[in-house]
């Protein structure tokens, strides 16, 4: 299970959610990036990395990761940051079965409901799943399974907040913005590593 420490701030609406997740190693990777101003956050950098599940985009603002998802194509081609390299290295280690959690500073922005869903997703242990309905009950909103699915789809840091561990009724694989084939591979990887040990 990933250990995520969360601090909510009241400065902005939607509120910001900050997290740090647990242990990692830096590895050199081939990558591309570009920079641009993002209002209120200073300089944001974007880097794309090849992984076995496709092109991974990592966005960072200052000293935190703000976005980590697979994309179809890179926007530009430049040099990455140390933090984006670290994030991509940790994703590669996860995909190789060498880690179960992440040790990355993250800054995420979302509504109070989205943040509650993201915390509940983060609490799903490695190799296990929960239904959208179970997450809705966990956050005190039974009957809000569809809204939970929508909030999970807005999760900007896939894997770090493991939204792939959320499934439909009876364990059906539904609703993964990265594609159901990736969700299936991620869940199969986690379950296979648990049964090996």
N, C-alpha and C. Protein backbone atom coordinates (compact mmCIF):
# COMPACT_ATOMS: atom_id res chain seq x y z
N UNK A 1 0.84 -1.19 0.00
CA UNK A 1 0.00 0.00 0.00
C UNK A 1 0.88 1.25 0.00
N UNK A 2 0.52 2.21 -0.81
CA UNK A 2 1.24 3.46 -0.86
C UNK A 2 0.93 4.27 0.39
N UNK A 3 1.95 4.90 0.96
CA UNK A 3 1.73 5.76 2.12
C UNK A 3 1.70 7.20 1.64
N UNK A 4 0.55 7.83 1.66
CA UNK A 4 0.40 9.19 1.14
C UNK A 4 -0.02 10.14 2.24
N UNK A 5 0.80 11.15 2.49
CA UNK A 5 0.48 12.17 3.49
C UNK A 5 -0.20 13.33 2.77
N UNK A 6 -1.34 13.76 3.24
CA UNK A 6 -2.12 14.79 2.55
C UNK A 6 -2.32 16.01 3.42
N UNK A 7 -2.12 17.18 2.84
CA UNK A 7 -2.41 18.44 3.51
C UNK A 7 -3.34 19.24 2.62
N UNK A 8 -4.52 19.56 3.12
CA UNK A 8 -5.46 20.37 2.36
C UNK A 8 -5.26 21.83 2.70
N UNK A 9 -5.35 22.68 1.69
CA UNK A 9 -5.23 24.11 1.95
C UNK A 9 -6.55 24.79 1.59
N UNK A 10 -6.85 25.86 2.28
CA UNK A 10 -8.11 26.58 2.07
C UNK A 10 -7.93 27.81 1.17
N UNK A 11 -6.70 28.04 0.64
CA UNK A 11 -6.43 29.26 -0.13
C UNK A 11 -7.25 29.39 -1.40
N UNK A 12 -7.39 28.30 -2.13
CA UNK A 12 -8.01 28.37 -3.44
C UNK A 12 -9.20 27.44 -3.52
N UNK A 13 -10.09 27.71 -4.45
CA UNK A 13 -11.16 26.77 -4.77
C UNK A 13 -11.04 26.48 -6.26
N UNK A 14 -10.87 25.23 -6.72
CA UNK A 14 -10.77 24.04 -5.90
C UNK A 14 -9.52 24.04 -5.03
N UNK A 15 -9.64 23.37 -3.88
CA UNK A 15 -8.53 23.32 -2.92
C UNK A 15 -7.37 22.48 -3.45
N UNK A 16 -6.18 22.74 -2.91
CA UNK A 16 -4.99 21.98 -3.32
C UNK A 16 -4.77 20.82 -2.37
N UNK A 17 -4.22 19.77 -2.89
CA UNK A 17 -3.93 18.57 -2.09
C UNK A 17 -2.47 18.25 -2.35
N UNK A 18 -1.70 18.12 -1.27
CA UNK A 18 -0.27 17.87 -1.37
C UNK A 18 0.04 16.50 -0.81
N UNK A 19 0.94 15.79 -1.43
CA UNK A 19 1.26 14.47 -0.91
C UNK A 19 2.70 14.09 -1.12
N UNK A 20 3.16 13.18 -0.31
CA UNK A 20 4.46 12.56 -0.50
C UNK A 20 4.26 11.07 -0.32
N UNK A 21 4.81 10.30 -1.20
CA UNK A 21 4.56 8.86 -1.21
C UNK A 21 5.86 8.09 -0.94
N UNK A 22 5.94 6.84 -0.43
CA UNK A 22 7.14 6.18 0.19
C UNK A 22 8.22 5.36 -0.58
N UNK A 23 9.56 5.42 -0.95
CA UNK A 23 10.98 5.02 -1.25
C UNK A 23 11.44 4.82 -2.72
N UNK A 24 12.51 5.38 -3.22
CA UNK A 24 12.91 5.29 -4.63
C UNK A 24 14.36 5.54 -5.01
N UNK A 25 14.70 5.24 -6.28
CA UNK A 25 16.08 5.32 -6.80
C UNK A 25 16.06 6.01 -8.16
N UNK A 26 17.03 6.89 -8.41
CA UNK A 26 17.10 7.60 -9.69
C UNK A 26 17.75 6.73 -10.76
N UNK A 27 17.20 6.72 -11.97
CA UNK A 27 17.80 5.97 -13.08
C UNK A 27 17.74 6.84 -14.33
N UNK A 28 18.78 6.82 -15.17
CA UNK A 28 18.77 7.63 -16.40
C UNK A 28 17.78 7.07 -17.42
N UNK A 29 17.01 7.92 -18.06
CA UNK A 29 16.04 7.49 -19.06
C UNK A 29 16.05 8.45 -20.24
N UNK A 30 15.69 7.94 -21.43
CA UNK A 30 15.54 8.80 -22.60
C UNK A 30 14.25 9.59 -22.43
N UNK A 31 14.29 10.89 -22.69
CA UNK A 31 13.08 11.69 -22.48
C UNK A 31 13.04 12.95 -23.32
N UNK A 32 11.89 13.65 -23.26
CA UNK A 32 11.68 14.92 -23.95
C UNK A 32 10.87 15.84 -23.04
N UNK A 33 11.04 17.15 -23.14
CA UNK A 33 10.24 18.07 -22.31
C UNK A 33 10.07 19.42 -22.97
N UNK A 34 9.13 20.19 -22.47
CA UNK A 34 9.03 21.61 -22.80
C UNK A 34 8.51 22.35 -21.58
N UNK A 35 8.69 23.67 -21.56
CA UNK A 35 8.28 24.49 -20.42
C UNK A 35 7.26 25.53 -20.84
N UNK A 36 6.44 25.94 -19.89
CA UNK A 36 5.47 26.99 -20.14
C UNK A 36 4.95 27.53 -18.83
N UNK A 37 4.44 28.73 -18.84
CA UNK A 37 3.89 29.31 -17.62
C UNK A 37 2.52 28.75 -17.34
N UNK A 38 2.26 28.41 -16.09
CA UNK A 38 0.94 27.99 -15.65
C UNK A 38 0.53 28.97 -14.57
N UNK A 39 -0.57 29.66 -14.78
CA UNK A 39 -0.98 30.74 -13.89
C UNK A 39 -1.00 30.31 -12.43
N UNK A 40 -0.32 31.09 -11.59
CA UNK A 40 -0.33 30.86 -10.16
C UNK A 40 0.67 29.83 -9.67
N UNK A 41 1.26 29.05 -10.56
CA UNK A 41 2.14 27.98 -10.15
C UNK A 41 3.59 28.18 -10.57
N UNK A 42 3.91 29.22 -11.33
CA UNK A 42 5.27 29.39 -11.82
C UNK A 42 5.50 28.51 -13.03
N UNK A 43 6.77 28.17 -13.26
CA UNK A 43 7.15 27.39 -14.43
C UNK A 43 6.75 25.93 -14.30
N UNK A 44 6.11 25.40 -15.31
CA UNK A 44 5.76 23.99 -15.33
C UNK A 44 6.55 23.32 -16.46
N UNK A 45 7.16 22.18 -16.18
CA UNK A 45 7.90 21.44 -17.19
C UNK A 45 7.16 20.14 -17.50
N UNK A 46 7.30 19.70 -18.74
CA UNK A 46 6.66 18.47 -19.19
C UNK A 46 7.72 17.58 -19.79
N UNK A 47 7.75 16.31 -19.39
CA UNK A 47 8.70 15.35 -19.94
C UNK A 47 7.97 14.09 -20.33
N UNK A 48 8.37 13.49 -21.44
CA UNK A 48 7.76 12.22 -21.87
C UNK A 48 8.84 11.14 -21.92
N UNK A 49 8.46 9.94 -21.47
CA UNK A 49 9.39 8.81 -21.35
C UNK A 49 8.78 7.56 -21.96
N UNK A 50 9.59 6.78 -22.63
CA UNK A 50 9.13 5.49 -23.13
C UNK A 50 9.03 4.51 -21.98
N UNK A 51 7.91 3.79 -21.91
CA UNK A 51 7.74 2.71 -20.93
C UNK A 51 7.13 1.53 -21.67
N UNK A 52 7.08 0.39 -21.02
CA UNK A 52 6.51 -0.78 -21.68
C UNK A 52 5.00 -0.65 -21.91
N UNK A 53 4.36 0.32 -21.24
CA UNK A 53 2.93 0.55 -21.46
C UNK A 53 2.67 1.80 -22.29
N UNK A 54 3.70 2.32 -22.94
CA UNK A 54 3.53 3.48 -23.80
C UNK A 54 4.26 4.70 -23.29
N UNK A 55 3.99 5.84 -23.92
CA UNK A 55 4.66 7.09 -23.62
C UNK A 55 4.08 7.72 -22.35
N UNK A 56 4.93 7.91 -21.36
CA UNK A 56 4.52 8.46 -20.06
C UNK A 56 4.86 9.95 -20.01
N UNK A 57 3.87 10.79 -19.71
CA UNK A 57 4.13 12.22 -19.53
C UNK A 57 4.18 12.53 -18.04
N UNK A 58 5.23 13.25 -17.64
CA UNK A 58 5.39 13.70 -16.26
C UNK A 58 5.49 15.22 -16.29
N UNK A 59 4.61 15.89 -15.56
CA UNK A 59 4.66 17.35 -15.45
C UNK A 59 5.04 17.72 -14.03
N UNK A 60 5.90 18.72 -13.89
CA UNK A 60 6.36 19.17 -12.58
C UNK A 60 6.26 20.69 -12.50
N UNK A 61 5.93 21.17 -11.32
CA UNK A 61 5.93 22.61 -11.04
C UNK A 61 6.79 22.79 -9.80
N UNK A 62 7.87 23.52 -9.90
CA UNK A 62 8.74 23.70 -8.75
C UNK A 62 9.32 22.37 -8.31
N UNK A 63 9.02 21.97 -7.10
CA UNK A 63 9.59 20.74 -6.55
C UNK A 63 8.57 19.62 -6.39
N UNK A 64 7.50 19.63 -7.19
CA UNK A 64 6.48 18.59 -7.05
C UNK A 64 5.97 18.13 -8.41
N UNK A 65 5.53 16.88 -8.46
CA UNK A 65 4.90 16.32 -9.66
C UNK A 65 3.43 16.73 -9.65
N UNK A 66 2.93 17.22 -10.78
CA UNK A 66 1.54 17.64 -10.87
C UNK A 66 0.72 16.78 -11.82
N UNK A 67 1.39 15.98 -12.64
CA UNK A 67 0.69 15.19 -13.66
C UNK A 67 1.58 14.01 -14.03
N UNK A 68 1.00 12.80 -14.06
CA UNK A 68 1.75 11.60 -14.46
C UNK A 68 0.75 10.67 -15.12
N UNK A 69 0.78 10.63 -16.46
CA UNK A 69 -0.17 9.82 -17.23
C UNK A 69 0.48 9.36 -18.53
N UNK A 70 -0.11 8.31 -19.13
CA UNK A 70 0.32 7.91 -20.46
C UNK A 70 -0.37 8.78 -21.49
N UNK A 71 0.37 9.15 -22.56
CA UNK A 71 -0.17 10.01 -23.61
C UNK A 71 0.11 9.36 -24.97
N UNK A 72 -0.57 9.83 -25.99
CA UNK A 72 -0.37 9.28 -27.33
C UNK A 72 0.88 9.83 -28.01
N UNK A 73 1.13 11.14 -27.84
CA UNK A 73 2.28 11.77 -28.50
C UNK A 73 2.88 12.86 -27.62
N UNK A 74 4.22 13.04 -27.68
CA UNK A 74 4.85 14.15 -26.94
C UNK A 74 4.55 15.47 -27.63
N UNK A 75 4.49 16.54 -26.84
CA UNK A 75 4.23 17.86 -27.41
C UNK A 75 5.49 18.47 -28.03
N UNK A 76 6.64 18.35 -27.37
CA UNK A 76 7.90 18.94 -27.83
C UNK A 76 9.05 18.01 -27.46
N UNK A 77 10.24 18.35 -27.88
CA UNK A 77 11.41 17.52 -27.57
C UNK A 77 12.54 18.37 -27.00
N UNK A 78 12.85 18.22 -25.70
CA UNK A 78 13.91 18.98 -25.04
C UNK A 78 14.58 18.13 -23.96
N UNK A 79 15.05 18.75 -22.87
CA UNK A 79 15.73 18.04 -21.79
C UNK A 79 14.84 17.96 -20.55
N UNK A 80 14.78 16.83 -19.86
CA UNK A 80 13.93 16.66 -18.68
C UNK A 80 14.52 17.28 -17.42
N UNK A 81 13.73 17.30 -16.35
CA UNK A 81 14.23 17.75 -15.05
C UNK A 81 14.63 16.53 -14.21
N UNK A 82 15.35 16.77 -13.13
CA UNK A 82 15.75 15.69 -12.23
C UNK A 82 14.51 15.01 -11.64
N UNK A 83 13.50 15.81 -11.26
CA UNK A 83 12.29 15.25 -10.67
C UNK A 83 11.50 14.41 -11.66
N UNK A 84 11.38 14.86 -12.91
CA UNK A 84 10.65 14.06 -13.89
C UNK A 84 11.40 12.76 -14.20
N UNK A 85 12.75 12.83 -14.23
CA UNK A 85 13.55 11.60 -14.39
C UNK A 85 13.28 10.62 -13.25
N UNK A 86 13.24 11.15 -12.03
CA UNK A 86 13.00 10.31 -10.86
C UNK A 86 11.62 9.66 -10.92
N UNK A 87 10.61 10.44 -11.30
CA UNK A 87 9.25 9.91 -11.40
C UNK A 87 9.19 8.79 -12.44
N UNK A 88 9.78 9.03 -13.61
CA UNK A 88 9.77 8.02 -14.66
C UNK A 88 10.55 6.77 -14.25
N UNK A 89 11.66 6.96 -13.55
CA UNK A 89 12.45 5.82 -13.07
C UNK A 89 11.61 4.97 -12.12
N UNK A 90 10.87 5.62 -11.24
CA UNK A 90 10.04 4.89 -10.29
C UNK A 90 8.90 4.15 -10.99
N UNK A 91 8.33 4.75 -12.03
CA UNK A 91 7.29 4.07 -12.80
C UNK A 91 7.88 2.83 -13.47
N UNK A 92 9.05 2.96 -14.05
CA UNK A 92 9.69 1.80 -14.69
C UNK A 92 9.99 0.70 -13.67
N UNK A 93 10.41 1.09 -12.48
CA UNK A 93 10.66 0.10 -11.42
C UNK A 93 9.36 -0.60 -11.02
N UNK A 94 8.29 0.17 -10.92
CA UNK A 94 6.98 -0.41 -10.61
C UNK A 94 6.58 -1.42 -11.70
N UNK A 95 6.71 -1.03 -12.96
CA UNK A 95 6.33 -1.91 -14.06
C UNK A 95 7.20 -3.16 -14.13
N UNK A 96 8.44 -3.07 -13.62
CA UNK A 96 9.35 -4.22 -13.59
C UNK A 96 9.12 -5.08 -12.34
N UNK A 97 8.18 -4.68 -11.49
CA UNK A 97 7.90 -5.43 -10.27
C UNK A 97 8.90 -5.19 -9.16
N UNK A 98 9.65 -4.09 -9.25
CA UNK A 98 10.69 -3.78 -8.27
C UNK A 98 10.21 -2.84 -7.15
N UNK A 99 9.00 -2.31 -7.26
CA UNK A 99 8.47 -1.44 -6.20
C UNK A 99 6.95 -1.53 -6.18
N UNK A 100 6.39 -1.26 -5.00
CA UNK A 100 4.93 -1.28 -4.83
C UNK A 100 4.36 0.10 -4.55
N UNK A 101 5.20 1.05 -4.19
CA UNK A 101 4.76 2.40 -3.88
C UNK A 101 5.72 3.41 -4.50
N UNK A 102 5.42 4.68 -4.28
CA UNK A 102 6.21 5.75 -4.89
C UNK A 102 6.71 6.73 -3.84
N UNK A 103 7.89 7.28 -4.07
CA UNK A 103 8.51 8.25 -3.18
C UNK A 103 8.70 9.54 -3.97
N UNK A 104 7.60 10.25 -4.16
CA UNK A 104 7.60 11.47 -4.98
C UNK A 104 6.79 12.56 -4.30
N UNK A 105 7.27 13.80 -4.34
CA UNK A 105 6.42 14.90 -3.88
C UNK A 105 5.37 15.19 -4.95
N UNK A 106 4.11 15.26 -4.58
CA UNK A 106 3.06 15.57 -5.54
C UNK A 106 2.21 16.73 -5.04
N UNK A 107 1.77 17.56 -5.97
CA UNK A 107 0.83 18.64 -5.68
C UNK A 107 -0.33 18.48 -6.64
N UNK A 108 -1.52 18.26 -6.09
CA UNK A 108 -2.69 18.03 -6.91
C UNK A 108 -3.78 19.02 -6.53
N UNK A 109 -4.55 19.43 -7.52
CA UNK A 109 -5.65 20.36 -7.26
C UNK A 109 -6.96 19.68 -7.62
N UNK A 110 -7.92 19.76 -6.73
CA UNK A 110 -9.23 19.17 -6.99
C UNK A 110 -10.23 19.65 -5.97
N UNK A 111 -11.48 19.32 -6.20
CA UNK A 111 -12.53 19.67 -5.25
C UNK A 111 -12.38 18.82 -3.99
N UNK A 112 -13.09 19.17 -2.94
CA UNK A 112 -13.05 18.39 -1.71
C UNK A 112 -13.51 16.96 -1.97
N UNK A 113 -14.51 16.78 -2.84
CA UNK A 113 -14.99 15.44 -3.17
C UNK A 113 -13.91 14.65 -3.91
N UNK A 114 -13.28 15.27 -4.90
CA UNK A 114 -12.21 14.59 -5.64
C UNK A 114 -11.08 14.18 -4.69
N UNK A 115 -10.70 15.08 -3.80
CA UNK A 115 -9.62 14.78 -2.85
C UNK A 115 -9.99 13.59 -1.96
N UNK A 116 -11.25 13.53 -1.53
CA UNK A 116 -11.70 12.42 -0.70
C UNK A 116 -11.61 11.10 -1.47
N UNK A 117 -12.01 11.15 -2.74
CA UNK A 117 -11.92 9.95 -3.58
C UNK A 117 -10.46 9.56 -3.77
N UNK A 118 -9.58 10.53 -4.05
CA UNK A 118 -8.16 10.22 -4.27
C UNK A 118 -7.53 9.61 -3.02
N UNK A 119 -7.91 10.11 -1.83
CA UNK A 119 -7.39 9.52 -0.58
C UNK A 119 -7.86 8.08 -0.44
N UNK A 120 -9.12 7.83 -0.76
CA UNK A 120 -9.67 6.48 -0.66
C UNK A 120 -9.00 5.55 -1.67
N UNK A 121 -8.75 6.03 -2.88
CA UNK A 121 -8.04 5.22 -3.88
C UNK A 121 -6.64 4.89 -3.40
N UNK A 122 -5.98 5.87 -2.79
CA UNK A 122 -4.62 5.67 -2.30
C UNK A 122 -4.56 4.61 -1.21
N UNK A 123 -5.67 4.43 -0.50
CA UNK A 123 -5.71 3.46 0.60
C UNK A 123 -5.93 2.02 0.14
N UNK A 124 -6.21 1.82 -1.16
CA UNK A 124 -6.41 0.45 -1.67
C UNK A 124 -5.05 -0.24 -1.70
N UNK A 125 -4.90 -1.35 -0.99
CA UNK A 125 -3.60 -2.02 -0.96
C UNK A 125 -3.15 -2.55 -2.33
N UNK A 126 -1.86 -2.62 -2.51
CA UNK A 126 -1.24 -3.18 -3.71
C UNK A 126 -1.82 -4.58 -3.95
N UNK A 127 -2.23 -4.83 -5.19
CA UNK A 127 -2.74 -6.15 -5.55
C UNK A 127 -4.20 -6.38 -5.24
N UNK A 128 -4.87 -5.40 -4.65
CA UNK A 128 -6.30 -5.54 -4.33
C UNK A 128 -7.10 -4.54 -5.14
N UNK A 129 -8.41 -4.72 -5.17
CA UNK A 129 -9.30 -3.79 -5.86
C UNK A 129 -10.46 -3.43 -4.95
N UNK A 130 -11.12 -2.33 -5.29
CA UNK A 130 -12.37 -1.91 -4.63
C UNK A 130 -13.31 -1.46 -5.74
N UNK A 131 -14.61 -1.62 -5.53
CA UNK A 131 -15.57 -1.13 -6.52
C UNK A 131 -15.80 0.36 -6.30
N UNK A 132 -16.35 1.01 -7.33
CA UNK A 132 -16.69 2.42 -7.20
C UNK A 132 -17.69 2.61 -6.07
N UNK A 133 -18.62 1.66 -5.93
CA UNK A 133 -19.60 1.72 -4.85
C UNK A 133 -18.95 1.61 -3.48
N UNK A 134 -17.95 0.74 -3.34
CA UNK A 134 -17.25 0.62 -2.06
C UNK A 134 -16.51 1.91 -1.71
N UNK A 135 -15.90 2.53 -2.72
CA UNK A 135 -15.22 3.81 -2.47
C UNK A 135 -16.24 4.87 -2.05
N UNK A 136 -17.39 4.89 -2.70
CA UNK A 136 -18.45 5.85 -2.35
C UNK A 136 -18.86 5.68 -0.88
N UNK A 137 -19.01 4.43 -0.44
CA UNK A 137 -19.36 4.18 0.97
C UNK A 137 -18.23 4.60 1.89
N UNK A 138 -17.00 4.32 1.49
CA UNK A 138 -15.83 4.67 2.30
C UNK A 138 -15.77 6.16 2.60
N UNK A 139 -16.13 6.98 1.62
CA UNK A 139 -16.05 8.44 1.81
C UNK A 139 -17.36 9.02 2.34
N UNK A 140 -18.29 8.14 2.71
CA UNK A 140 -19.55 8.62 3.30
C UNK A 140 -20.55 9.12 2.30
N UNK A 141 -20.44 8.68 1.04
CA UNK A 141 -21.36 9.11 -0.01
C UNK A 141 -21.94 7.90 -0.75
N UNK A 142 -22.60 6.98 -0.03
CA UNK A 142 -23.17 5.82 -0.71
C UNK A 142 -24.13 6.28 -1.80
N UNK A 143 -24.14 5.61 -2.89
CA UNK A 143 -24.99 6.04 -4.00
C UNK A 143 -24.29 6.98 -4.95
N UNK A 144 -23.03 7.36 -4.65
CA UNK A 144 -22.29 8.29 -5.51
C UNK A 144 -21.23 7.56 -6.34
N UNK A 145 -21.51 6.30 -6.70
CA UNK A 145 -20.52 5.50 -7.43
C UNK A 145 -20.12 6.15 -8.75
N UNK A 146 -21.08 6.72 -9.47
CA UNK A 146 -20.74 7.38 -10.76
C UNK A 146 -19.87 8.60 -10.54
N UNK A 147 -20.15 9.37 -9.51
CA UNK A 147 -19.34 10.55 -9.20
C UNK A 147 -17.93 10.12 -8.78
N UNK A 148 -17.83 8.98 -8.08
CA UNK A 148 -16.52 8.44 -7.72
C UNK A 148 -15.74 8.10 -8.98
N UNK A 149 -16.42 7.47 -9.94
CA UNK A 149 -15.77 7.14 -11.22
C UNK A 149 -15.27 8.39 -11.93
N UNK A 150 -16.08 9.44 -11.91
CA UNK A 150 -15.67 10.70 -12.55
C UNK A 150 -14.47 11.31 -11.84
N UNK A 151 -14.46 11.27 -10.51
CA UNK A 151 -13.33 11.81 -9.74
C UNK A 151 -12.07 10.98 -9.97
N UNK A 152 -12.23 9.66 -10.05
CA UNK A 152 -11.08 8.79 -10.34
C UNK A 152 -10.51 9.12 -11.71
N UNK A 153 -11.38 9.41 -12.66
CA UNK A 153 -10.93 9.78 -14.01
C UNK A 153 -10.19 11.11 -14.05
N UNK A 154 -10.40 11.95 -13.04
CA UNK A 154 -9.72 13.25 -12.97
C UNK A 154 -8.39 13.16 -12.21
N UNK A 155 -8.06 11.98 -11.70
CA UNK A 155 -6.80 11.79 -10.98
C UNK A 155 -5.64 12.11 -11.92
N UNK A 156 -4.83 13.14 -11.61
CA UNK A 156 -3.76 13.51 -12.52
C UNK A 156 -2.47 12.70 -12.37
N UNK A 157 -2.36 11.87 -11.34
CA UNK A 157 -1.11 11.11 -11.14
C UNK A 157 -1.41 9.61 -11.06
N UNK A 158 -1.62 9.02 -12.23
CA UNK A 158 -1.89 7.60 -12.30
C UNK A 158 -0.75 6.83 -11.64
N UNK A 159 -1.02 5.70 -11.12
CA UNK A 159 -0.10 4.83 -10.39
C UNK A 159 0.24 5.40 -9.02
N UNK A 160 0.65 6.67 -8.93
CA UNK A 160 0.97 7.26 -7.62
C UNK A 160 -0.29 7.20 -6.76
N UNK A 161 -1.42 7.64 -7.31
CA UNK A 161 -2.73 7.41 -6.71
C UNK A 161 -3.34 6.31 -7.59
N UNK A 162 -3.42 5.09 -7.09
CA UNK A 162 -3.71 3.93 -7.95
C UNK A 162 -5.18 3.78 -8.36
N UNK A 163 -5.63 4.65 -9.26
CA UNK A 163 -7.03 4.59 -9.70
C UNK A 163 -7.31 3.32 -10.52
N UNK A 164 -6.26 2.65 -10.99
CA UNK A 164 -6.47 1.39 -11.73
C UNK A 164 -7.01 0.29 -10.82
N UNK A 165 -6.93 0.47 -9.50
CA UNK A 165 -7.42 -0.54 -8.55
C UNK A 165 -8.91 -0.41 -8.27
N UNK A 166 -9.57 0.54 -8.91
CA UNK A 166 -11.01 0.73 -8.73
C UNK A 166 -11.72 0.05 -9.90
N UNK A 167 -12.67 -0.82 -9.58
CA UNK A 167 -13.36 -1.60 -10.61
C UNK A 167 -14.87 -1.45 -10.49
N UNK A 168 -15.57 -1.94 -11.51
CA UNK A 168 -17.02 -1.89 -11.50
C UNK A 168 -17.61 -3.01 -10.65
N UNK A 169 -18.93 -3.08 -10.63
CA UNK A 169 -19.63 -4.14 -9.89
C UNK A 169 -19.12 -5.51 -10.31
N UNK A 170 -19.04 -6.40 -9.36
CA UNK A 170 -18.59 -7.77 -9.61
C UNK A 170 -17.19 -7.85 -10.20
N UNK A 171 -16.38 -6.82 -9.99
CA UNK A 171 -14.99 -6.84 -10.45
C UNK A 171 -14.79 -6.52 -11.91
N UNK A 172 -15.83 -6.03 -12.60
CA UNK A 172 -15.71 -5.70 -14.02
C UNK A 172 -14.71 -4.57 -14.23
N UNK A 173 -13.86 -4.72 -15.26
CA UNK A 173 -12.89 -3.68 -15.57
C UNK A 173 -13.59 -2.59 -16.37
N UNK A 174 -13.78 -1.45 -15.73
CA UNK A 174 -14.46 -0.33 -16.39
C UNK A 174 -13.72 0.96 -16.07
N UNK A 175 -13.90 1.95 -16.91
CA UNK A 175 -13.53 3.31 -16.62
C UNK A 175 -12.10 3.65 -16.29
N UNK A 176 -11.14 3.31 -17.13
CA UNK A 176 -9.76 3.74 -16.90
C UNK A 176 -9.35 4.64 -18.05
N UNK A 177 -9.03 5.89 -17.76
CA UNK A 177 -8.71 6.86 -18.81
C UNK A 177 -7.49 6.45 -19.62
N UNK A 178 -6.62 5.63 -19.05
CA UNK A 178 -5.43 5.16 -19.76
C UNK A 178 -5.69 3.97 -20.66
N UNK A 179 -6.93 3.52 -20.72
CA UNK A 179 -7.29 2.38 -21.55
C UNK A 179 -7.44 1.12 -20.70
N UNK A 180 -8.49 0.36 -20.96
CA UNK A 180 -8.75 -0.84 -20.17
C UNK A 180 -7.63 -1.87 -20.31
N UNK A 181 -6.94 -1.88 -21.46
CA UNK A 181 -5.84 -2.84 -21.63
C UNK A 181 -4.72 -2.54 -20.64
N UNK A 182 -4.46 -1.25 -20.36
CA UNK A 182 -3.43 -0.91 -19.36
C UNK A 182 -3.90 -1.30 -17.96
N UNK A 183 -5.15 -1.01 -17.66
CA UNK A 183 -5.70 -1.35 -16.35
C UNK A 183 -5.57 -2.85 -16.12
N UNK A 184 -5.92 -3.63 -17.12
CA UNK A 184 -5.82 -5.09 -17.00
C UNK A 184 -4.37 -5.53 -16.75
N UNK A 185 -3.42 -4.94 -17.47
CA UNK A 185 -2.02 -5.29 -17.29
C UNK A 185 -1.50 -4.90 -15.91
N UNK A 186 -1.89 -3.71 -15.43
CA UNK A 186 -1.44 -3.25 -14.11
C UNK A 186 -1.97 -4.15 -13.00
N UNK A 187 -3.25 -4.51 -13.07
CA UNK A 187 -3.83 -5.38 -12.05
C UNK A 187 -3.22 -6.78 -12.11
N UNK A 188 -2.98 -7.28 -13.33
CA UNK A 188 -2.37 -8.61 -13.48
C UNK A 188 -0.95 -8.60 -12.93
N UNK A 189 -0.20 -7.53 -13.17
CA UNK A 189 1.17 -7.42 -12.65
C UNK A 189 1.15 -7.49 -11.12
N UNK A 190 0.29 -6.69 -10.49
CA UNK A 190 0.24 -6.66 -9.03
C UNK A 190 -0.17 -8.02 -8.45
N UNK A 191 -1.18 -8.64 -9.03
CA UNK A 191 -1.63 -9.93 -8.51
C UNK A 191 -0.58 -11.01 -8.72
N UNK A 192 0.12 -11.00 -9.84
CA UNK A 192 1.14 -12.02 -10.09
C UNK A 192 2.29 -11.89 -9.11
N UNK A 193 2.67 -10.66 -8.78
CA UNK A 193 3.78 -10.47 -7.84
C UNK A 193 3.38 -10.86 -6.43
N UNK A 194 2.10 -10.67 -6.08
CA UNK A 194 1.64 -11.08 -4.75
C UNK A 194 1.62 -12.59 -4.60
N UNK A 195 1.23 -13.29 -5.69
CA UNK A 195 1.16 -14.76 -5.61
C UNK A 195 2.53 -15.40 -5.64
N UNK A 196 3.55 -14.69 -6.19
CA UNK A 196 4.91 -15.22 -6.21
C UNK A 196 5.53 -15.24 -4.83
N UNK A 197 5.07 -14.35 -3.94
CA UNK A 197 5.71 -14.20 -2.63
C UNK A 197 5.05 -15.00 -1.56
